[in-house]
Amino acid sequence: MESARALTDSTESSMSTTVTDDADDAVLQLQLQQGNVIVVNELLCLLKQKCNVMAFDDLVQLCVDFYTYDEVETSREVMSRYVGQKQLGKLHGTEKDVKSRTLTAMTKICMDPGIQLPTFGAADLSRIPPLDGDHVDVSAALQELSALRRAVPAMSQLKREVEQLKSMLELLKAKSTP
């Protein structure tokens, strides 16, 4: 939390900082001039940013394996402030089962376009798990590859046109030079 406070000390005066200390957790919020709120929580930052890029089950499993029960519970409490306890209540069972079901519910909330969540940020990047090729949504990569393949013929056509213009320019220079 120390690094997060240092981050806010160096920000412009157009932001205000709110540190809320509840029983077990501290939440850092930055209130931007435009009314947007940035909440510092690494798990929620990961979920919000990757829920539309990674496969749902892979994202949940990655978080179950990387984050502790306490981190998941803290993130659930933070998110429940914005969606209500009814949608994200405390679950019961074994820690691993509760972690998995809580992360599943939180990911579903992040994916729901009807729910307005604040922007989540990370103060400690070491608390965001590394992602490799196994965790990337292949369909998104294939769509991007397809778009690039469609762009290649257009680039080839532009190259031909540039070369034609260069040759025409050289002809004009040759005709104008006595």
C-alpha atoms as a PDB file:
ATOM      1  CA  MET A   1       0.000   0.000   0.000  1.00  0.00           C
ATOM      2  CA  GLU A   2       3.014   2.249   0.540  1.00  0.00           C
ATOM      3  CA  SER A   3       3.773   2.311  -3.201  1.00  0.00           C
ATOM      4  CA  ALA A   4       0.151   3.143  -3.943  1.00  0.00           C
ATOM      5  CA  ARG A   5       0.257   6.117  -1.591  1.00  0.00           C
ATOM      6  CA  ALA A   6       3.479   7.294  -3.223  1.00  0.00           C
ATOM      7  CA  LEU A   7       1.726   7.073  -6.570  1.00  0.00           C
ATOM      8  CA  THR A   8      -1.025   9.411  -5.426  1.00  0.00           C
ATOM      9  CA  ASP A   9       1.381  11.880  -3.846  1.00  0.00           C
ATOM     10  CA  SER A  10       2.907  12.555  -7.256  1.00  0.00           C
ATOM     11  CA  THR A  11      -0.373  12.993  -9.140  1.00  0.00           C
ATOM     12  CA  GLU A  12      -1.739  16.292 -10.345  1.00  0.00           C
ATOM     13  CA  SER A  13      -4.094  18.394  -8.272  1.00  0.00           C
ATOM     14  CA  SER A  14      -7.005  17.381 -10.524  1.00  0.00           C
ATOM     15  CA  MET A  15      -7.294  14.139  -8.545  1.00  0.00           C
ATOM     16  CA  SER A  16      -8.325  13.488  -5.012  1.00  0.00           C
ATOM     17  CA  THR A  17      -7.311  10.442  -3.017  1.00  0.00           C
ATOM     18  CA  THR A  18      -9.498   8.436  -0.703  1.00  0.00           C
ATOM     19  CA  VAL A  19      -8.086   5.671   1.459  1.00  0.00           C
ATOM     20  CA  THR A  20     -10.799   3.620   3.098  1.00  0.00           C
ATOM     21  CA  ASP A  21      -9.787   1.388   5.978  1.00  0.00           C
ATOM     22  CA  ASP A  22     -12.311  -1.322   6.730  1.00  0.00           C
ATOM     23  CA  ALA A  23     -11.834  -4.128   9.199  1.00  0.00           C
ATOM     24  CA  ASP A  24      -9.406  -6.245   7.163  1.00  0.00           C
ATOM     25  CA  ASP A  25      -8.577  -4.307   4.013  1.00  0.00           C
ATOM     26  CA  ALA A  26      -7.541  -0.932   2.729  1.00  0.00           C
ATOM     27  CA  VAL A  27      -8.878   0.356  -0.565  1.00  0.00           C
ATOM     28  CA  LEU A  28      -7.162   3.116  -2.454  1.00  0.00           C
ATOM     29  CA  GLN A  29      -9.418   5.152  -4.723  1.00  0.00           C
ATOM     30  CA  LEU A  30      -8.405   7.949  -7.019  1.00  0.00           C
ATOM     31  CA  GLN A  31     -11.210  10.352  -7.904  1.00  0.00           C
ATOM     32  CA  LEU A  32     -10.431  11.924 -11.274  1.00  0.00           C
ATOM     33  CA  GLN A  33     -11.694  15.339 -12.240  1.00  0.00           C
ATOM     34  CA  GLN A  34     -14.118  13.857 -14.787  1.00  0.00           C
ATOM     35  CA  GLY A  35     -15.805  11.829 -12.044  1.00  0.00           C
ATOM     36  CA  ASN A  36     -14.157   8.524 -12.955  1.00  0.00           C
ATOM     37  CA  VAL A  37     -12.909   6.414 -10.069  1.00  0.00           C
ATOM     38  CA  ILE A  38      -9.793   4.244 -10.147  1.00  0.00           C
ATOM     39  CA  VAL A  39      -9.741   1.525  -7.500  1.00  0.00           C
ATOM     40  CA  VAL A  40      -6.390  -0.126  -6.830  1.00  0.00           C
ATOM     41  CA  ASN A  41      -6.874  -3.892  -6.746  1.00  0.00           C
ATOM     42  CA  GLU A  42      -4.617  -6.176  -8.765  1.00  0.00           C
ATOM     43  CA  LEU A  43      -7.017  -9.138  -9.003  1.00  0.00           C
ATOM     44  CA  LEU A  44      -9.935  -7.017 -10.174  1.00  0.00           C
ATOM     45  CA  CYS A  45      -7.635  -5.207 -12.609  1.00  0.00           C
ATOM     46  CA  LEU A  46      -6.641  -8.549 -14.139  1.00  0.00           C
ATOM     47  CA  LEU A  47     -10.229  -9.818 -14.302  1.00  0.00           C
ATOM     48  CA  LYS A  48     -11.576  -6.636 -15.872  1.00  0.00           C
ATOM     49  CA  GLN A  49      -8.801  -6.331 -18.451  1.00  0.00           C
ATOM     50  CA  LYS A  50      -8.567  -9.991 -19.474  1.00  0.00           C
ATOM     51  CA  CYS A  51     -12.165 -11.217 -19.230  1.00  0.00           C
ATOM     52  CA  ASN A  52     -12.818 -10.449 -22.908  1.00  0.00           C
ATOM     53  CA  VAL A  53      -9.421 -11.630 -24.157  1.00  0.00           C
ATOM     54  CA  MET A  54      -8.862 -14.906 -22.346  1.00  0.00           C
ATOM     55  CA  ALA A  55     -11.042 -17.980 -22.253  1.00  0.00           C
ATOM     56  CA  PHE A  56     -13.368 -17.804 -19.241  1.00  0.00           C
ATOM     57  CA  ASP A  57     -12.280 -21.094 -17.631  1.00  0.00           C
ATOM     58  CA  ASP A  58      -8.580 -20.344 -18.186  1.00  0.00           C
ATOM     59  CA  LEU A  59      -8.892 -16.936 -16.540  1.00  0.00           C
ATOM     60  CA  VAL A  60     -10.718 -18.340 -13.510  1.00  0.00           C
ATOM     61  CA  GLN A  61      -8.216 -21.205 -13.140  1.00  0.00           C
ATOM     62  CA  LEU A  62      -5.256 -18.833 -13.475  1.00  0.00           C
ATOM     63  CA  CYS A  63      -6.663 -16.674 -10.671  1.00  0.00           C
ATOM     64  CA  VAL A  64      -7.512 -19.676  -8.477  1.00  0.00           C
ATOM     65  CA  ASP A  65      -3.933 -20.923  -8.802  1.00  0.00           C
ATOM     66  CA  PHE A  66      -2.218 -17.544  -8.325  1.00  0.00           C
ATOM     67  CA  TYR A  67      -4.215 -15.609  -5.719  1.00  0.00           C
ATOM     68  CA  THR A  68      -4.695 -16.509  -2.061  1.00  0.00           C
ATOM     69  CA  TYR A  69      -8.070 -16.972  -0.444  1.00  0.00           C
ATOM     70  CA  ASP A  70      -7.634 -13.679   1.440  1.00  0.00           C
ATOM     71  CA  GLU A  71      -6.859 -11.760  -1.772  1.00  0.00           C
ATOM     72  CA  VAL A  72      -9.944 -13.197  -3.456  1.00  0.00           C
ATOM     73  CA  GLU A  73     -12.084 -12.361  -0.441  1.00  0.00           C
ATOM     74  CA  THR A  74     -10.749  -8.798  -0.283  1.00  0.00           C
ATOM     75  CA  SER A  75     -11.457  -8.358  -4.001  1.00  0.00           C
ATOM     76  CA  ARG A  76     -14.962  -9.779  -3.547  1.00  0.00           C
ATOM     77  CA  GLU A  77     -15.637  -7.240  -0.799  1.00  0.00           C
ATOM     78  CA  VAL A  78     -14.342  -4.393  -2.969  1.00  0.00           C
ATOM     79  CA  MET A  79     -16.439  -5.468  -5.954  1.00  0.00           C
ATOM     80  CA  SER A  80     -19.530  -6.000  -3.806  1.00  0.00           C
ATOM     81  CA  ARG A  81     -19.415  -2.296  -2.938  1.00  0.00           C
ATOM     82  CA  TYR A  82     -20.185  -1.567  -6.580  1.00  0.00           C
ATOM     83  CA  VAL A  83     -22.630  -4.374  -7.402  1.00  0.00           C
ATOM     84  CA  GLY A  84     -24.192  -5.122  -4.019  1.00  0.00           C
ATOM     85  CA  GLN A  85     -24.022  -8.068  -1.675  1.00  0.00           C
ATOM     86  CA  LYS A  86     -26.985  -9.721  -3.379  1.00  0.00           C
ATOM     87  CA  GLN A  87     -25.014 -10.401  -6.572  1.00  0.00           C
ATOM     88  CA  LEU A  88     -21.752 -11.226  -4.840  1.00  0.00           C
ATOM     89  CA  GLY A  89     -22.468 -12.567  -1.380  1.00  0.00           C
ATOM     90  CA  LYS A  90     -20.080 -14.514   0.801  1.00  0.00           C
ATOM     91  CA  LEU A  91     -20.027 -18.212  -0.118  1.00  0.00           C
ATOM     92  CA  HIS A  92     -19.460 -21.197   2.140  1.00  0.00           C
ATOM     93  CA  GLY A  93     -17.459 -24.384   1.611  1.00  0.00           C
ATOM     94  CA  THR A  94     -13.812 -25.335   1.309  1.00  0.00           C
ATOM     95  CA  GLU A  95     -11.389 -22.479   0.610  1.00  0.00           C
ATOM     96  CA  LYS A  96     -10.519 -23.795  -2.855  1.00  0.00           C
ATOM     97  CA  ASP A  97     -14.184 -24.280  -3.782  1.00  0.00           C
ATOM     98  CA  VAL A  98     -15.157 -20.850  -2.448  1.00  0.00           C
ATOM     99  CA  LYS A  99     -12.236 -19.253  -4.322  1.00  0.00           C
ATOM    100  CA  SER A 100     -13.286 -20.900  -7.566  1.00  0.00           C
ATOM    101  CA  ARG A 101     -16.981 -20.029  -7.259  1.00  0.00           C
ATOM    102  CA  THR A 102     -16.241 -16.464  -6.131  1.00  0.00           C
ATOM    103  CA  LEU A 103     -13.838 -15.887  -9.023  1.00  0.00           C
ATOM    104  CA  THR A 104     -16.391 -17.345 -11.445  1.00  0.00           C
ATOM    105  CA  ALA A 105     -19.047 -14.935 -10.171  1.00  0.00           C
ATOM    106  CA  MET A 106     -16.664 -11.973 -10.258  1.00  0.00           C
ATOM    107  CA  THR A 107     -15.583 -12.770 -13.828  1.00  0.00           C
ATOM    108  CA  LYS A 108     -19.221 -12.998 -14.926  1.00  0.00           C
ATOM    109  CA  ILE A 109     -19.854  -9.576 -13.384  1.00  0.00           C
ATOM    110  CA  CYS A 110     -16.821  -8.128 -15.200  1.00  0.00           C
ATOM    111  CA  MET A 111     -18.151  -9.514 -18.495  1.00  0.00           C
ATOM    112  CA  ASP A 112     -21.670  -8.138 -18.003  1.00  0.00           C
ATOM    113  CA  PRO A 113     -21.971  -4.969 -20.116  1.00  0.00           C
ATOM    114  CA  GLY A 114     -24.972  -3.831 -18.072  1.00  0.00           C
ATOM    115  CA  ILE A 115     -22.940  -3.448 -14.891  1.00  0.00           C
ATOM    116  CA  GLN A 116     -20.910  -0.263 -14.524  1.00  0.00           C
ATOM    117  CA  LEU A 117     -17.725  -0.931 -12.585  1.00  0.00           C
ATOM    118  CA  PRO A 118     -15.003   1.572 -11.781  1.00  0.00           C
ATOM    119  CA  THR A 119     -11.612   1.317 -13.430  1.00  0.00           C
ATOM    120  CA  PHE A 120      -9.344  -1.047 -11.527  1.00  0.00           C
ATOM    121  CA  GLY A 121      -5.604  -0.486 -11.425  1.00  0.00           C
ATOM    122  CA  ALA A 122      -2.566  -2.281 -10.071  1.00  0.00           C
ATOM    123  CA  ALA A 123      -0.077  -0.793  -7.630  1.00  0.00           C
ATOM    124  CA  ASP A 124       2.026  -3.962  -7.312  1.00  0.00           C
ATOM    125  CA  LEU A 125       2.638  -5.579 -10.698  1.00  0.00           C
ATOM    126  CA  SER A 126       4.176  -8.632  -9.054  1.00  0.00           C
ATOM    127  CA  ARG A 127       0.631  -9.519  -7.930  1.00  0.00           C
ATOM    128  CA  ILE A 128      -0.531  -9.925 -11.534  1.00  0.00           C
ATOM    129  CA  PRO A 129       0.293 -13.412 -12.823  1.00  0.00           C
ATOM    130  CA  PRO A 130       2.376 -13.757 -15.984  1.00  0.00           C
ATOM    131  CA  LEU A 131       0.422 -14.831 -19.040  1.00  0.00           C
ATOM    132  CA  ASP A 132       1.811 -17.037 -21.760  1.00  0.00           C
ATOM    133  CA  GLY A 133       0.531 -18.311 -25.077  1.00  0.00           C
ATOM    134  CA  ASP A 134      -1.528 -21.004 -23.364  1.00  0.00           C
ATOM    135  CA  HIS A 135      -3.735 -18.351 -21.763  1.00  0.00           C
ATOM    136  CA  VAL A 136      -4.504 -16.301 -24.849  1.00  0.00           C
ATOM    137  CA  ASP A 137      -7.867 -16.557 -26.547  1.00  0.00           C
ATOM    138  CA  VAL A 138      -6.926 -18.130 -29.885  1.00  0.00           C
ATOM    139  CA  SER A 139     -10.036 -16.838 -31.630  1.00  0.00           C
ATOM    140  CA  ALA A 140      -9.006 -13.219 -30.908  1.00  0.00           C
ATOM    141  CA  ALA A 141      -5.515 -13.906 -32.272  1.00  0.00           C
ATOM    142  CA  LEU A 142      -7.007 -15.525 -35.379  1.00  0.00           C
ATOM    143  CA  GLN A 143      -9.270 -12.531 -35.970  1.00  0.00           C
ATOM    144  CA  GLU A 144      -6.282 -10.204 -35.786  1.00  0.00           C
ATOM    145  CA  LEU A 145      -4.292 -12.456 -38.128  1.00  0.00           C
ATOM    146  CA  SER A 146      -7.194 -12.461 -40.575  1.00  0.00           C
ATOM    147  CA  ALA A 147      -7.347  -8.656 -40.504  1.00  0.00           C
ATOM    148  CA  LEU A 148      -3.605  -8.480 -41.170  1.00  0.00           C
ATOM    149  CA  ARG A 149      -3.948 -10.886 -44.097  1.00  0.00           C
ATOM    150  CA  ARG A 150      -6.650  -8.659 -45.583  1.00  0.00           C
ATOM    151  CA  ALA A 151      -4.352  -5.650 -45.211  1.00  0.00           C
ATOM    152  CA  VAL A 152      -1.421  -7.264 -47.067  1.00  0.00           C
ATOM    153  CA  PRO A 153      -2.945  -7.004 -50.588  1.00  0.00           C
ATOM    154  CA  ALA A 154      -3.818  -3.365 -49.950  1.00  0.00           C
ATOM    155  CA  MET A 155      -0.226  -2.687 -48.893  1.00  0.00           C
ATOM    156  CA  SER A 156       1.046  -4.459 -52.022  1.00  0.00           C
ATOM    157  CA  GLN A 157      -1.207  -2.281 -54.164  1.00  0.00           C
ATOM    158  CA  LEU A 158       0.078   0.854 -52.406  1.00  0.00           C
ATOM    159  CA  LYS A 159       3.665  -0.257 -53.023  1.00  0.00           C
ATOM    160  CA  ARG A 160       2.945  -0.704 -56.752  1.00  0.00           C
ATOM    161  CA  GLU A 161       1.313   2.731 -56.907  1.00  0.00           C
ATOM    162  CA  VAL A 162       4.286   4.378 -55.171  1.00  0.00           C
ATOM    163  CA  GLU A 163       6.680   2.732 -57.616  1.00  0.00           C
ATOM    164  CA  GLN A 164       4.532   3.907 -60.561  1.00  0.00           C
ATOM    165  CA  LEU A 165       4.558   7.448 -59.172  1.00  0.00           C
ATOM    166  CA  LYS A 166       8.344   7.323 -58.756  1.00  0.00           C
ATOM    167  CA  SER A 167       8.828   6.192 -62.349  1.00  0.00           C
ATOM    168  CA  MET A 168       6.448   8.889 -63.608  1.00  0.00           C
ATOM    169  CA  LEU A 169       8.367  11.486 -61.575  1.00  0.00           C
ATOM    170  CA  GLU A 170      11.659  10.299 -63.055  1.00  0.00           C
ATOM    171  CA  LEU A 171      10.178  10.565 -66.586  1.00  0.00           C
ATOM    172  CA  LEU A 172       8.991  14.095 -65.871  1.00  0.00           C
ATOM    173  CA  LYS A 173      12.416  15.055 -64.530  1.00  0.00           C
ATOM    174  CA  ALA A 174      14.082  13.559 -67.593  1.00  0.00           C
ATOM    175  CA  LYS A 175      11.769  15.463 -69.980  1.00  0.00           C
ATOM    176  CA  SER A 176      12.191  18.759 -68.131  1.00  0.00           C
ATOM    177  CA  THR A 177      15.999  18.527 -67.985  1.00  0.00           C
ATOM    178  CA  PRO A 178      17.603  19.866 -71.232  1.00  0.00           C
END
